């Protein structure tokens, strides 16, 4: 309840700070394989126009706070229509003045390690 009201306030504001958010939306009570349901969220993410990367366990998206949170909530609501229970996990990296971190964070790590990472 508290988390939802925070999201409602966040998405209603006109925030303009760039953030990274890694999120996963997990449908429960729909059987063992959920890849078909998860694939249904891709058009929602793409429609936002925000840069994103899909990983094996989560998707990372970059953009204005309000836009990023709106996409995550769109994905959560989509999945809620498909499953009786949904868990949405979110990790936010909100660094003042940082942009281009979706690619930049990986490039920084590759530079330190001295090679390209998978």
Protein backbone atom coordinates (compact mmCIF):
# COMPACT_ATOMS: atom_id res chain seq x y z
CA UNK A 1 0.00 0.00 0.00
CA UNK A 2 2.76 2.46 0.92
CA UNK A 3 4.84 1.55 -2.14
CA UNK A 4 1.86 1.97 -4.46
CA UNK A 5 1.04 5.43 -3.13
CA UNK A 6 4.67 6.46 -3.58
CA UNK A 7 4.45 5.34 -7.23
CA UNK A 8 1.18 7.19 -7.71
CA UNK A 9 2.78 10.41 -6.46
CA UNK A 10 5.99 9.84 -8.45
CA UNK A 11 4.27 9.25 -11.77
CA UNK A 12 2.04 12.30 -11.26
CA UNK A 13 4.98 14.69 -10.87
CA UNK A 14 6.88 16.36 -13.66
CA UNK A 15 10.36 15.14 -12.68
CA UNK A 16 13.24 15.57 -15.08
CA UNK A 17 16.15 13.70 -13.52
CA UNK A 18 17.62 10.81 -15.54
CA UNK A 19 17.73 7.46 -13.77
CA UNK A 20 18.44 3.80 -14.41
CA UNK A 21 15.97 1.22 -13.18
CA UNK A 22 16.35 -2.54 -13.30
CA UNK A 23 13.04 -4.31 -12.91
CA UNK A 24 11.40 -7.69 -13.20
CA UNK A 25 7.70 -8.46 -13.28
CA UNK A 26 6.92 -12.00 -12.16
CA UNK A 27 3.48 -13.52 -12.74
CA UNK A 28 2.46 -16.12 -10.15
CA UNK A 29 -0.20 -18.78 -10.43
CA UNK A 30 0.06 -19.14 -14.21
CA UNK A 31 2.12 -22.31 -14.55
CA UNK A 32 5.80 -23.07 -14.88
CA UNK A 33 6.75 -21.19 -18.07
CA UNK A 34 6.15 -17.44 -18.09
CA UNK A 35 8.24 -16.36 -21.10
CA UNK A 36 5.15 -15.87 -23.27
CA UNK A 37 3.63 -13.51 -20.72
CA UNK A 38 6.90 -11.67 -20.21
CA UNK A 39 7.26 -11.21 -23.99
CA UNK A 40 3.96 -9.33 -23.93
CA UNK A 41 5.64 -6.51 -22.00
CA UNK A 42 8.24 -5.82 -24.70
CA UNK A 43 5.88 -3.70 -26.86
CA UNK A 44 5.04 -1.59 -23.80
CA UNK A 45 8.72 -0.93 -23.13
CA UNK A 46 9.50 -0.24 -26.80
CA UNK A 47 6.55 2.15 -27.12
CA UNK A 48 8.09 4.34 -24.42
CA UNK A 49 11.02 5.17 -26.70
CA UNK A 50 13.39 4.87 -23.73
CA UNK A 51 16.68 2.98 -24.09
CA UNK A 52 16.54 -0.46 -22.47
CA UNK A 53 18.41 -3.76 -22.17
CA UNK A 54 16.74 -7.10 -21.59
CA UNK A 55 18.61 -9.58 -19.40
CA UNK A 56 17.92 -13.13 -18.33
CA UNK A 57 16.35 -12.06 -15.03
CA UNK A 58 15.48 -8.37 -15.43
CA UNK A 59 15.19 -5.44 -17.80
CA UNK A 60 17.11 -2.20 -17.31
CA UNK A 61 15.66 1.05 -18.61
CA UNK A 62 17.00 4.62 -18.62
CA UNK A 63 15.14 7.91 -18.74
CA UNK A 64 13.35 10.63 -16.83
CA UNK A 65 12.07 9.45 -13.47
CA UNK A 66 8.42 9.89 -14.35
CA UNK A 67 8.81 8.09 -17.70
CA UNK A 68 10.74 5.17 -16.22
CA UNK A 69 8.28 4.68 -13.37
CA UNK A 70 5.35 4.92 -15.79
CA UNK A 71 6.80 2.13 -17.98
CA UNK A 72 7.36 -0.10 -14.96
CA UNK A 73 3.81 0.46 -13.75
CA UNK A 74 2.45 -0.18 -17.27
CA UNK A 75 4.28 -3.52 -17.27
CA UNK A 76 3.00 -4.35 -13.79
CA UNK A 77 -0.59 -3.53 -14.75
CA UNK A 78 -0.31 -5.53 -17.97
CA UNK A 79 0.87 -8.57 -16.04
CA UNK A 80 -1.81 -8.07 -13.37
CA UNK A 81 -4.41 -8.54 -16.12
CA UNK A 82 -2.79 -11.89 -17.01
CA UNK A 83 -2.02 -13.38 -13.60
CA UNK A 84 -3.81 -13.66 -10.25
CA UNK A 85 -0.68 -12.47 -8.42
CA UNK A 86 2.29 -10.40 -9.58
CA UNK A 87 5.62 -9.58 -7.95
CA UNK A 88 7.44 -6.55 -9.31
CA UNK A 89 11.03 -6.01 -8.21
CA UNK A 90 12.70 -2.64 -8.85
CA UNK A 91 16.23 -1.37 -8.29
CA UNK A 92 16.80 2.32 -9.02
CA UNK A 93 20.16 3.99 -9.62
CA UNK A 94 19.50 7.72 -9.39
CA UNK A 95 22.80 9.59 -9.70
CA UNK A 96 22.73 13.38 -9.96
CA UNK A 97 23.96 14.64 -13.31
CA UNK A 98 24.56 11.17 -14.77
CA UNK A 99 23.32 10.34 -18.26
CA UNK A 100 24.05 7.51 -20.67
CA UNK A 101 24.61 5.08 -17.82
CA UNK A 102 22.83 2.16 -19.48
CA UNK A 103 25.88 1.63 -21.69
CA UNK A 104 28.36 3.65 -19.64
CA UNK A 105 28.26 1.48 -16.52
CA UNK A 106 29.14 -1.62 -18.55
CA UNK A 107 31.87 0.23 -20.45
CA UNK A 108 33.39 1.44 -17.18
CA UNK A 109 33.53 -2.11 -15.85
CA UNK A 110 35.04 -3.44 -19.10
CA UNK A 111 37.71 -0.74 -18.95
CA UNK A 112 38.63 -1.71 -15.38
CA UNK A 113 38.64 -5.46 -16.15
CA UNK A 114 40.55 -4.84 -19.36
CA UNK A 115 38.33 -6.80 -21.71
CA UNK A 116 34.85 -7.02 -23.18
CA UNK A 117 32.34 -8.79 -20.96
CA UNK A 118 29.54 -11.08 -22.06
